Every structure is written in C-alpha cells, then in structure tokens.
Amino acid sequence: MPLPHDFPEIDPDRCTGCGRCVAACHERCITLEVSGFRKYALLVRPQLCNGCGACLAACPVRALT
C-alpha cells in the first residue's frame, strides 16, 4: 500500500506559466490555466499524484512546494 504524501501546492503569484511542471508530470496532474493575459499552473487531478516531486524539481521559480 502506498504511503500517504502531500500534494504539491502551487503559488499562482509566483508561477510564470512556463509549463515545465506540466511537462515533468508523468501522471498529468497539472495543467496550465489562463486568466486574462496570464497563464499559471493548476493541480487538476490530485488523486493521481504519486508524490514523485518531478514538478517541484522542474520549476525554475520555485512556485511549487
């Protein structure tokens, strides 16, 4: 049985919408959303997250914790 883990939290104010976390997530839990003229990452399927941390490592501005 897998151990429980925390899901990544995304700070939309820090996120630049580069999409690196989206590309790094093999489970496709994260997507880019558009608000006005700005893009930001959003965790859309936390139930699929396996806690691998690839999205955290991929973020150049440390918007994910």
N, C-alpha and C. Protein backbone atom coordinates (compact mmCIF):
# COMPACT_ATOMS: atom_id res chain seq x y z
N MET A 1 0.85 -1.18 0.00
CA MET A 1 0.00 0.00 0.00
C MET A 1 0.90 1.25 0.00
N PRO A 2 0.64 2.22 -0.91
CA PRO A 2 1.49 3.40 -0.96
C PRO A 2 1.32 4.25 0.30
N LEU A 3 2.39 4.90 0.67
CA LEU A 3 2.34 5.80 1.81
C LEU A 3 1.64 7.09 1.43
N PRO A 4 0.91 7.71 2.37
CA PRO A 4 0.28 8.99 2.05
C PRO A 4 1.35 10.05 1.84
N HIS A 5 1.06 11.00 0.98
CA HIS A 5 2.01 12.08 0.72
C HIS A 5 1.25 13.38 0.55
N ASP A 6 1.99 14.46 0.62
CA ASP A 6 1.41 15.77 0.38
C ASP A 6 1.40 16.04 -1.12
N PHE A 7 0.38 16.73 -1.55
CA PHE A 7 0.30 17.13 -2.95
C PHE A 7 1.07 18.44 -3.10
N PRO A 8 1.60 18.69 -4.28
CA PRO A 8 2.29 19.96 -4.47
C PRO A 8 1.31 21.12 -4.37
N GLU A 9 1.76 22.18 -3.74
CA GLU A 9 0.97 23.40 -3.70
C GLU A 9 1.60 24.36 -4.69
N ILE A 10 0.77 25.01 -5.47
CA ILE A 10 1.25 25.92 -6.50
C ILE A 10 0.88 27.34 -6.11
N ASP A 11 1.87 28.21 -6.04
CA ASP A 11 1.65 29.62 -5.73
C ASP A 11 1.40 30.34 -7.05
N PRO A 12 0.14 30.70 -7.34
CA PRO A 12 -0.16 31.32 -8.64
C PRO A 12 0.50 32.68 -8.81
N ASP A 13 0.86 33.34 -7.71
CA ASP A 13 1.52 34.64 -7.81
C ASP A 13 2.98 34.49 -8.25
N ARG A 14 3.61 33.39 -7.90
CA ARG A 14 5.00 33.14 -8.30
C ARG A 14 5.09 32.46 -9.65
N CYS A 15 4.08 31.69 -10.01
CA CYS A 15 4.10 30.91 -11.24
C CYS A 15 4.16 31.82 -12.46
N THR A 16 5.07 31.50 -13.38
CA THR A 16 5.21 32.28 -14.61
C THR A 16 4.49 31.65 -15.80
N GLY A 17 3.91 30.46 -15.59
CA GLY A 17 3.19 29.79 -16.67
C GLY A 17 4.09 29.19 -17.72
N CYS A 18 5.32 28.84 -17.34
CA CYS A 18 6.28 28.30 -18.32
C CYS A 18 5.90 26.89 -18.79
N GLY A 19 5.18 26.14 -17.97
CA GLY A 19 4.73 24.80 -18.36
C GLY A 19 5.72 23.68 -18.07
N ARG A 20 6.84 23.97 -17.44
CA ARG A 20 7.82 22.93 -17.16
C ARG A 20 7.28 21.89 -16.19
N CYS A 21 6.50 22.31 -15.22
CA CYS A 21 5.91 21.35 -14.27
C CYS A 21 4.90 20.44 -14.97
N VAL A 22 4.17 21.00 -15.91
CA VAL A 22 3.20 20.22 -16.69
C VAL A 22 3.93 19.14 -17.48
N ALA A 23 5.03 19.52 -18.12
CA ALA A 23 5.81 18.57 -18.92
C ALA A 23 6.46 17.51 -18.04
N ALA A 24 6.84 17.87 -16.82
CA ALA A 24 7.53 16.93 -15.93
C ALA A 24 6.59 15.93 -15.27
N CYS A 25 5.31 16.25 -15.20
CA CYS A 25 4.35 15.39 -14.50
C CYS A 25 3.91 14.24 -15.41
N HIS A 26 4.39 13.04 -15.11
CA HIS A 26 4.05 11.86 -15.91
C HIS A 26 2.60 11.42 -15.70
N GLU A 27 2.03 11.80 -14.59
CA GLU A 27 0.64 11.42 -14.29
C GLU A 27 -0.38 12.41 -14.85
N ARG A 28 0.10 13.51 -15.41
CA ARG A 28 -0.76 14.56 -15.98
C ARG A 28 -1.73 15.15 -14.95
N CYS A 29 -1.19 15.46 -13.79
CA CYS A 29 -1.99 16.03 -12.70
C CYS A 29 -2.09 17.55 -12.78
N ILE A 30 -1.15 18.15 -13.51
CA ILE A 30 -1.05 19.61 -13.57
C ILE A 30 -1.35 20.08 -14.98
N THR A 31 -2.03 21.22 -15.07
CA THR A 31 -2.31 21.84 -16.36
C THR A 31 -2.06 23.33 -16.25
N LEU A 32 -2.04 24.01 -17.38
CA LEU A 32 -1.92 25.46 -17.39
C LEU A 32 -3.30 26.07 -17.57
N GLU A 33 -3.60 27.05 -16.77
CA GLU A 33 -4.85 27.78 -16.86
C GLU A 33 -4.54 29.19 -17.35
N VAL A 34 -5.50 29.82 -17.96
CA VAL A 34 -5.35 31.19 -18.44
C VAL A 34 -6.35 32.07 -17.72
N SER A 35 -5.84 33.19 -17.22
CA SER A 35 -6.69 34.18 -16.56
C SER A 35 -6.30 35.54 -17.12
N GLY A 36 -7.17 36.10 -17.93
CA GLY A 36 -6.83 37.35 -18.60
C GLY A 36 -5.70 37.11 -19.58
N PHE A 37 -4.59 37.82 -19.36
CA PHE A 37 -3.42 37.67 -20.22
C PHE A 37 -2.32 36.89 -19.53
N ARG A 38 -2.66 36.13 -18.51
CA ARG A 38 -1.67 35.43 -17.70
C ARG A 38 -1.95 33.94 -17.64
N LYS A 39 -0.88 33.14 -17.69
CA LYS A 39 -1.00 31.69 -17.52
C LYS A 39 -0.41 31.31 -16.17
N TYR A 40 -0.96 30.25 -15.59
CA TYR A 40 -0.41 29.72 -14.34
C TYR A 40 -0.76 28.24 -14.24
N ALA A 41 0.07 27.51 -13.49
CA ALA A 41 -0.14 26.07 -13.32
C ALA A 41 -1.23 25.82 -12.28
N LEU A 42 -1.95 24.73 -12.48
CA LEU A 42 -3.04 24.36 -11.57
C LEU A 42 -3.06 22.85 -11.41
N LEU A 43 -3.11 22.39 -10.17
CA LEU A 43 -3.21 20.96 -9.88
C LEU A 43 -4.67 20.55 -10.09
N VAL A 44 -4.93 19.79 -11.15
CA VAL A 44 -6.31 19.45 -11.51
C VAL A 44 -6.73 18.05 -11.11
N ARG A 45 -5.76 17.15 -10.92
CA ARG A 45 -6.09 15.77 -10.54
C ARG A 45 -5.19 15.30 -9.40
N PRO A 46 -5.39 15.84 -8.20
CA PRO A 46 -4.51 15.46 -7.09
C PRO A 46 -4.59 13.98 -6.75
N GLN A 47 -5.70 13.33 -7.05
CA GLN A 47 -5.86 11.91 -6.73
C GLN A 47 -4.91 11.04 -7.55
N LEU A 48 -4.39 11.54 -8.66
CA LEU A 48 -3.46 10.78 -9.48
C LEU A 48 -2.00 11.04 -9.12
N CYS A 49 -1.75 12.05 -8.30
CA CYS A 49 -0.38 12.42 -7.93
C CYS A 49 0.26 11.31 -7.11
N ASN A 50 1.48 10.90 -7.51
CA ASN A 50 2.17 9.85 -6.78
C ASN A 50 3.27 10.41 -5.87
N GLY A 51 3.39 11.73 -5.81
CA GLY A 51 4.35 12.37 -4.91
C GLY A 51 5.79 12.26 -5.35
N CYS A 52 6.04 12.09 -6.63
CA CYS A 52 7.41 11.89 -7.12
C CYS A 52 8.28 13.13 -7.01
N GLY A 53 7.69 14.31 -7.04
CA GLY A 53 8.45 15.55 -6.91
C GLY A 53 9.05 16.07 -8.19
N ALA A 54 8.75 15.45 -9.32
CA ALA A 54 9.31 15.91 -10.60
C ALA A 54 8.87 17.33 -10.93
N CYS A 55 7.65 17.67 -10.60
CA CYS A 55 7.16 19.02 -10.88
C CYS A 55 7.92 20.07 -10.05
N LEU A 56 8.21 19.74 -8.79
CA LEU A 56 8.95 20.66 -7.94
C LEU A 56 10.34 20.90 -8.50
N ALA A 57 11.00 19.84 -8.92
CA ALA A 57 12.35 19.95 -9.45
C ALA A 57 12.38 20.72 -10.77
N ALA A 58 11.30 20.67 -11.54
CA ALA A 58 11.25 21.30 -12.86
C ALA A 58 10.98 22.80 -12.80
N CYS A 59 10.42 23.27 -11.70
CA CYS A 59 10.00 24.68 -11.60
C CYS A 59 11.21 25.60 -11.39
N PRO A 60 11.48 26.50 -12.34
CA PRO A 60 12.64 27.39 -12.23
C PRO A 60 12.45 28.53 -11.23
N VAL A 61 11.20 28.83 -10.84
CA VAL A 61 10.94 29.94 -9.93
C VAL A 61 10.46 29.48 -8.56
N ARG A 62 10.49 28.16 -8.33
CA ARG A 62 10.07 27.58 -7.06
C ARG A 62 8.65 27.99 -6.64
N ALA A 63 7.74 27.91 -7.63
CA ALA A 63 6.34 28.23 -7.36
C ALA A 63 5.60 27.05 -6.76
N LEU A 64 6.23 25.86 -6.77
CA LEU A 64 5.62 24.67 -6.21
C LEU A 64 6.34 24.30 -4.92
N THR A 65 5.56 23.93 -3.91
CA THR A 65 6.15 23.48 -2.64
C THR A 65 5.51 22.18 -2.23
